[in-house]
Amino acid sequence: SPCIIFIDEIDAIGTKRFDSEVSGDREVQRTMLELLNQLDGFSSDDRIKVIAATNRADILDPALMRSGRL
């Protein structure tokens, strides 16, 4: 059956990656990398749609913006 996955405020974990010594920043970056891995695991099935919302598209990691991810 059809499925819609909606992620609100994707900018909370989808910010551009950078080198950081702060453990909280590293955890956010690990979470974002896992999200990318999971998104890549979806097949191009028309019955599954992933939608994300943000009001800060300027700070999103370019990997999230690639065609076919969201």
PDB file of N, CA and C in Angstrom:
ATOM      1  N   SER A   1       0.836  -1.180   0.000  1.00  0.00           N
ATOM      2  CA  SER A   1       0.000   0.000   0.000  1.00  0.00           C
ATOM      3  C   SER A   1       0.884   1.248   0.000  1.00  0.00           C
ATOM      4  N   PRO A   2       0.357   2.373  -0.453  1.00  0.00           N
ATOM      5  CA  PRO A   2       1.154   3.607  -0.537  1.00  0.00           C
ATOM      6  C   PRO A   2       1.609   4.099   0.836  1.00  0.00           C
ATOM      7  N   CYS A   3       2.714   4.821   0.828  1.00  0.00           N
ATOM      8  CA  CYS A   3       3.286   5.320   2.081  1.00  0.00           C
ATOM      9  C   CYS A   3       3.906   6.694   1.844  1.00  0.00           C
ATOM     10  N   ILE A   4       3.651   7.615   2.762  1.00  0.00           N
ATOM     11  CA  ILE A   4       4.293   8.930   2.741  1.00  0.00           C
ATOM     12  C   ILE A   4       5.080   9.073   4.036  1.00  0.00           C
ATOM     13  N   ILE A   5       6.364   9.379   3.914  1.00  0.00           N
ATOM     14  CA  ILE A   5       7.215   9.636   5.076  1.00  0.00           C
ATOM     15  C   ILE A   5       7.500  11.132   5.085  1.00  0.00           C
ATOM     16  N   PHE A   6       7.047  11.820   6.126  1.00  0.00           N
ATOM     17  CA  PHE A   6       7.217  13.264   6.224  1.00  0.00           C
ATOM     18  C   PHE A   6       8.199  13.581   7.341  1.00  0.00           C
ATOM     19  N   ILE A   7       9.236  14.341   7.016  1.00  0.00           N
ATOM     20  CA  ILE A   7      10.238  14.761   7.997  1.00  0.00           C
ATOM     21  C   ILE A   7      10.147  16.281   8.117  1.00  0.00           C
ATOM     22  N   ASP A   8       9.683  16.755   9.257  1.00  0.00           N
ATOM     23  CA  ASP A   8       9.559  18.195   9.479  1.00  0.00           C
ATOM     24  C   ASP A   8      10.851  18.729  10.090  1.00  0.00           C
ATOM     25  N   GLU A   9      11.195  19.956   9.763  1.00  0.00           N
ATOM     26  CA  GLU A   9      12.400  20.614  10.288  1.00  0.00           C
ATOM     27  C   GLU A   9      13.657  19.789  10.030  1.00  0.00           C
ATOM     28  N   ILE A  10      13.840  19.362   8.786  1.00  0.00           N
ATOM     29  CA  ILE A  10      14.999  18.545   8.407  1.00  0.00           C
ATOM     30  C   ILE A  10      16.310  19.270   8.701  1.00  0.00           C
ATOM     31  N   ASP A  11      16.285  20.584   8.780  1.00  0.00           N
ATOM     32  CA  ASP A  11      17.509  21.345   9.056  1.00  0.00           C
ATOM     33  C   ASP A  11      18.062  21.066  10.457  1.00  0.00           C
ATOM     34  N   ALA A  12      17.260  20.482  11.348  1.00  0.00           N
ATOM     35  CA  ALA A  12      17.748  20.159  12.691  1.00  0.00           C
ATOM     36  C   ALA A  12      18.856  19.109  12.647  1.00  0.00           C
ATOM     37  N   ILE A  13      18.815  18.209  11.668  1.00  0.00           N
ATOM     38  CA  ILE A  13      19.878  17.201  11.541  1.00  0.00           C
ATOM     39  C   ILE A  13      20.555  17.236  10.180  1.00  0.00           C
ATOM     40  N   GLY A  14      20.039  18.018   9.246  1.00  0.00           N
ATOM     41  CA  GLY A  14      20.558  17.996   7.884  1.00  0.00           C
ATOM     42  C   GLY A  14      21.463  19.152   7.518  1.00  0.00           C
ATOM     43  N   THR A  15      22.158  19.731   8.503  1.00  0.00           N
ATOM     44  CA  THR A  15      23.034  20.861   8.204  1.00  0.00           C
ATOM     45  C   THR A  15      24.302  20.402   7.491  1.00  0.00           C
ATOM     46  N   LYS A  16      24.954  21.352   6.838  1.00  0.00           N
ATOM     47  CA  LYS A  16      26.207  21.059   6.137  1.00  0.00           C
ATOM     48  C   LYS A  16      27.225  20.480   7.105  1.00  0.00           C
ATOM     49  N   ARG A  17      27.964  19.490   6.633  1.00  0.00           N
ATOM     50  CA  ARG A  17      28.974  18.843   7.478  1.00  0.00           C
ATOM     51  C   ARG A  17      30.200  19.733   7.640  1.00  0.00           C
ATOM     52  N   PHE A  18      30.833  19.635   8.805  1.00  0.00           N
ATOM     53  CA  PHE A  18      32.041  20.400   9.105  1.00  0.00           C
ATOM     54  C   PHE A  18      32.826  19.651  10.171  1.00  0.00           C
ATOM     55  N   ASP A  19      34.096  19.974  10.299  1.00  0.00           N
ATOM     56  CA  ASP A  19      34.924  19.361  11.336  1.00  0.00           C
ATOM     57  C   ASP A  19      34.573  19.989  12.680  1.00  0.00           C
ATOM     58  N   SER A  20      34.318  19.135  13.654  1.00  0.00           N
ATOM     59  CA  SER A  20      33.946  19.640  14.970  1.00  0.00           C
ATOM     60  C   SER A  20      34.488  18.722  16.051  1.00  0.00           C
ATOM     61  N   GLU A  21      34.907  19.326  17.139  1.00  0.00           N
ATOM     62  CA  GLU A  21      35.376  18.571  18.301  1.00  0.00           C
ATOM     63  C   GLU A  21      34.266  18.409  19.339  1.00  0.00           C
ATOM     64  N   VAL A  22      33.142  19.060  19.135  1.00  0.00           N
ATOM     65  CA  VAL A  22      32.030  19.002  20.079  1.00  0.00           C
ATOM     66  C   VAL A  22      31.237  17.722  19.832  1.00  0.00           C
ATOM     67  N   SER A  23      31.044  16.929  20.878  1.00  0.00           N
ATOM     68  CA  SER A  23      30.397  15.625  20.705  1.00  0.00           C
ATOM     69  C   SER A  23      28.957  15.755  20.213  1.00  0.00           C
ATOM     70  N   GLY A  24      28.245  16.790  20.606  1.00  0.00           N
ATOM     71  CA  GLY A  24      26.873  16.985  20.137  1.00  0.00           C
ATOM     72  C   GLY A  24      26.815  17.209  18.639  1.00  0.00           C
ATOM     73  N   ASP A  25      27.764  17.992  18.115  1.00  0.00           N
ATOM     74  CA  ASP A  25      27.821  18.236  16.671  1.00  0.00           C
ATOM     75  C   ASP A  25      28.135  16.955  15.917  1.00  0.00           C
ATOM     76  N   ARG A  26      29.050  16.159  16.454  1.00  0.00           N
ATOM     77  CA  ARG A  26      29.408  14.891  15.796  1.00  0.00           C
ATOM     78  C   ARG A  26      28.216  13.939  15.773  1.00  0.00           C
ATOM     79  N   GLU A  27      27.434  13.928  16.832  1.00  0.00           N
ATOM     80  CA  GLU A  27      26.256  13.053  16.889  1.00  0.00           C
ATOM     81  C   GLU A  27      25.216  13.471  15.853  1.00  0.00           C
ATOM     82  N   VAL A  28      25.008  14.772  15.691  1.00  0.00           N
ATOM     83  CA  VAL A  28      24.077  15.266  14.677  1.00  0.00           C
ATOM     84  C   VAL A  28      24.563  14.860  13.292  1.00  0.00           C
ATOM     85  N   GLN A  29      25.870  14.972  13.049  1.00  0.00           N
ATOM     86  CA  GLN A  29      26.410  14.592  11.742  1.00  0.00           C
ATOM     87  C   GLN A  29      26.273  13.091  11.503  1.00  0.00           C
ATOM     88  N   ARG A  30      26.471  12.278  12.529  1.00  0.00           N
ATOM     89  CA  ARG A  30      26.278  10.822  12.387  1.00  0.00           C
ATOM     90  C   ARG A  30      24.819  10.499  12.089  1.00  0.00           C
ATOM     91  N   THR A  31      23.902  11.210  12.727  1.00  0.00           N
ATOM     92  CA  THR A  31      22.477  11.001  12.478  1.00  0.00           C
ATOM     93  C   THR A  31      22.135  11.347  11.036  1.00  0.00           C
ATOM     94  N   MET A  32      22.692  12.456  10.537  1.00  0.00           N
ATOM     95  CA  MET A  32      22.430  12.849   9.161  1.00  0.00           C
ATOM     96  C   MET A  32      22.995  11.827   8.177  1.00  0.00           C
ATOM     97  N   LEU A  33      24.188  11.304   8.442  1.00  0.00           N
ATOM     98  CA  LEU A  33      24.777  10.286   7.565  1.00  0.00           C
ATOM     99  C   LEU A  33      23.931   9.017   7.555  1.00  0.00           C
ATOM    100  N   GLU A  34      23.392   8.647   8.691  1.00  0.00           N
ATOM    101  CA  GLU A  34      22.509   7.473   8.745  1.00  0.00           C
ATOM    102  C   GLU A  34      21.224   7.734   7.973  1.00  0.00           C
ATOM    103  N   LEU A  35      20.685   8.942   8.064  1.00  0.00           N
ATOM    104  CA  LEU A  35      19.500   9.292   7.279  1.00  0.00           C
ATOM    105  C   LEU A  35      19.793   9.159   5.789  1.00  0.00           C
ATOM    106  N   LEU A  36      20.953   9.650   5.344  1.00  0.00           N
ATOM    107  CA  LEU A  36      21.330   9.521   3.934  1.00  0.00           C
ATOM    108  C   LEU A  36      21.424   8.054   3.528  1.00  0.00           C
ATOM    109  N   ASN A  37      22.012   7.227   4.385  1.00  0.00           N
ATOM    110  CA  ASN A  37      22.099   5.794   4.093  1.00  0.00           C
ATOM    111  C   ASN A  37      20.716   5.180   3.952  1.00  0.00           C
ATOM    112  N   GLN A  38      19.811   5.549   4.835  1.00  0.00           N
ATOM    113  CA  GLN A  38      18.458   4.995   4.777  1.00  0.00           C
ATOM    114  C   GLN A  38      17.717   5.479   3.533  1.00  0.00           C
ATOM    115  N   LEU A  39      17.888   6.750   3.180  1.00  0.00           N
ATOM    116  CA  LEU A  39      17.237   7.270   1.975  1.00  0.00           C
ATOM    117  C   LEU A  39      17.749   6.568   0.728  1.00  0.00           C
ATOM    118  N   ASP A  40      19.035   6.268   0.698  1.00  0.00           N
ATOM    119  CA  ASP A  40      19.604   5.567  -0.455  1.00  0.00           C
ATOM    120  C   ASP A  40      19.105   4.129  -0.540  1.00  0.00           C
ATOM    121  N   GLY A  41      18.607   3.588   0.570  1.00  0.00           N
ATOM    122  CA  GLY A  41      18.128   2.217   0.587  1.00  0.00           C
ATOM    123  C   GLY A  41      16.753   2.034  -0.030  1.00  0.00           C
ATOM    124  N   PHE A  42      16.011   3.128  -0.225  1.00  0.00           N
ATOM    125  CA  PHE A  42      14.699   3.023  -0.853  1.00  0.00           C
ATOM    126  C   PHE A  42      14.854   2.745  -2.338  1.00  0.00           C
ATOM    127  N   SER A  43      14.007   1.875  -2.853  1.00  0.00           N
ATOM    128  CA  SER A  43      13.984   1.668  -4.303  1.00  0.00           C
ATOM    129  C   SER A  43      13.158   2.795  -4.916  1.00  0.00           C
ATOM    130  N   SER A  44      13.133   2.868  -6.206  1.00  0.00           N
ATOM    131  CA  SER A  44      12.378   3.932  -6.876  1.00  0.00           C
ATOM    132  C   SER A  44      10.914   3.526  -7.038  1.00  0.00           C
ATOM    133  N   ASP A  45      10.345   2.975  -5.980  1.00  0.00           N
ATOM    134  CA  ASP A  45       8.952   2.543  -5.959  1.00  0.00           C
ATOM    135  C   ASP A  45       8.051   3.775  -5.897  1.00  0.00           C
ATOM    136  N   ASP A  46       7.098   3.863  -6.796  1.00  0.00           N
ATOM    137  CA  ASP A  46       6.204   5.016  -6.827  1.00  0.00           C
ATOM    138  C   ASP A  46       5.254   5.061  -5.635  1.00  0.00           C
ATOM    139  N   ARG A  47       5.171   3.990  -4.871  1.00  0.00           N
ATOM    140  CA  ARG A  47       4.237   3.956  -3.752  1.00  0.00           C
ATOM    141  C   ARG A  47       4.835   4.530  -2.478  1.00  0.00           C
ATOM    142  N   ILE A  48       6.134   4.812  -2.460  1.00  0.00           N
ATOM    143  CA  ILE A  48       6.786   5.378  -1.275  1.00  0.00           C
ATOM    144  C   ILE A  48       7.305   6.770  -1.617  1.00  0.00           C
ATOM    145  N   LYS A  49       6.854   7.760  -0.880  1.00  0.00           N
ATOM    146  CA  LYS A  49       7.293   9.143  -1.076  1.00  0.00           C
ATOM    147  C   LYS A  49       7.889   9.663   0.223  1.00  0.00           C
ATOM    148  N   VAL A  50       9.066  10.269   0.130  1.00  0.00           N
ATOM    149  CA  VAL A  50       9.704  10.898   1.287  1.00  0.00           C
ATOM    150  C   VAL A  50       9.674  12.402   1.053  1.00  0.00           C
ATOM    151  N   ILE A  51       9.086  13.118   1.993  1.00  0.00           N
ATOM    152  CA  ILE A  51       8.944  14.571   1.898  1.00  0.00           C
ATOM    153  C   ILE A  51       9.574  15.181   3.145  1.00  0.00           C
ATOM    154  N   ALA A  52      10.358  16.227   2.954  1.00  0.00           N
ATOM    155  CA  ALA A  52      10.969  16.924   4.087  1.00  0.00           C
ATOM    156  C   ALA A  52      10.660  18.414   3.988  1.00  0.00           C
ATOM    157  N   ALA A  53      10.526  19.045   5.140  1.00  0.00           N
ATOM    158  CA  ALA A  53      10.218  20.474   5.180  1.00  0.00           C
ATOM    159  C   ALA A  53      11.264  21.214   6.003  1.00  0.00           C
ATOM    160  N   THR A  54      11.562  22.421   5.563  1.00  0.00           N
ATOM    161  CA  THR A  54      12.472  23.296   6.297  1.00  0.00           C
ATOM    162  C   THR A  54      12.214  24.739   5.890  1.00  0.00           C
ATOM    163  N   ASN A  55      12.560  25.640   6.751  1.00  0.00           N
ATOM    164  CA  ASN A  55      12.551  27.053   6.382  1.00  0.00           C
ATOM    165  C   ASN A  55      13.980  27.579   6.270  1.00  0.00           C
ATOM    166  N   ARG A  56      14.968  26.655   6.296  1.00  0.00           N
ATOM    167  CA  ARG A  56      16.383  27.017   6.209  1.00  0.00           C
ATOM    168  C   ARG A  56      17.093  26.168   5.154  1.00  0.00           C
ATOM    169  N   ALA A  57      16.621  26.195   3.937  1.00  0.00           N
ATOM    170  CA  ALA A  57      17.234  25.406   2.865  1.00  0.00           C
ATOM    171  C   ALA A  57      18.683  25.818   2.618  1.00  0.00           C
ATOM    172  N   ASP A  58      19.053  27.032   3.000  1.00  0.00           N
ATOM    173  CA  ASP A  58      20.410  27.525   2.772  1.00  0.00           C
ATOM    174  C   ASP A  58      21.462  26.807   3.613  1.00  0.00           C
ATOM    175  N   ILE A  59      21.070  26.144   4.703  1.00  0.00           N
ATOM    176  CA  ILE A  59      22.056  25.461   5.550  1.00  0.00           C
ATOM    177  C   ILE A  59      22.053  23.941   5.372  1.00  0.00           C
ATOM    178  N   LEU A  60      21.217  23.424   4.473  1.00  0.00           N
ATOM    179  CA  LEU A  60      21.147  21.974   4.276  1.00  0.00           C
ATOM    180  C   LEU A  60      22.392  21.447   3.581  1.00  0.00           C
ATOM    181  N   ASP A  61      22.771  20.242   3.945  1.00  0.00           N
ATOM    182  CA  ASP A  61      23.900  19.574   3.305  1.00  0.00           C
ATOM    183  C   ASP A  61      23.538  19.299   1.845  1.00  0.00           C
ATOM    184  N   PRO A  62      24.451  19.567   0.914  1.00  0.00           N
ATOM    185  CA  PRO A  62      24.167  19.325  -0.509  1.00  0.00           C
ATOM    186  C   PRO A  62      23.778  17.875  -0.809  1.00  0.00           C
ATOM    187  N   ALA A  63      24.231  16.937   0.000  1.00  0.00           N
ATOM    188  CA  ALA A  63      23.889  15.528  -0.230  1.00  0.00           C
ATOM    189  C   ALA A  63      22.385  15.292  -0.092  1.00  0.00           C
ATOM    190  N   LEU A  64      21.724  16.053   0.770  1.00  0.00           N
ATOM    191  CA  LEU A  64      20.271  15.917   0.913  1.00  0.00           C
ATOM    192  C   LEU A  64      19.530  16.451  -0.297  1.00  0.00           C
ATOM    193  N   MET A  65      20.135  17.400  -0.984  1.00  0.00           N
ATOM    194  CA  MET A  65      19.475  18.066  -2.100  1.00  0.00           C
ATOM    195  C   MET A  65      19.649  17.335  -3.432  1.00  0.00           C
ATOM    196  N   ARG A  66      20.407  16.258  -3.436  1.00  0.00           N
ATOM    197  CA  ARG A  66      20.624  15.526  -4.683  1.00  0.00           C
ATOM    198  C   ARG A  66      19.312  14.996  -5.239  1.00  0.00           C
ATOM    199  N   SER A  67      19.234  14.967  -6.530  1.00  0.00           N
ATOM    200  CA  SER A  67      18.039  14.470  -7.207  1.00  0.00           C
ATOM    201  C   SER A  67      17.734  13.036  -6.790  1.00  0.00           C
ATOM    202  N   GLY A  68      16.479  12.775  -6.482  1.00  0.00           N
ATOM    203  CA  GLY A  68      16.051  11.433  -6.130  1.00  0.00           C
ATOM    204  C   GLY A  68      16.085  11.112  -4.654  1.00  0.00           C
ATOM    205  N   ARG A  69      16.685  11.962  -3.842  1.00  0.00           N
ATOM    206  CA  ARG A  69      16.743  11.675  -2.401  1.00  0.00           C
ATOM    207  C   ARG A  69      15.446  12.076  -1.714  1.00  0.00           C
ATOM    208  N   LEU A  70      15.019  13.295  -1.895  1.00  0.00           N
ATOM    209  CA  LEU A  70      13.786  13.778  -1.262  1.00  0.00           C
ATOM    210  C   LEU A  70      12.872  14.340  -2.318  1.00  0.00           C
TER     211      LEU A  70
END
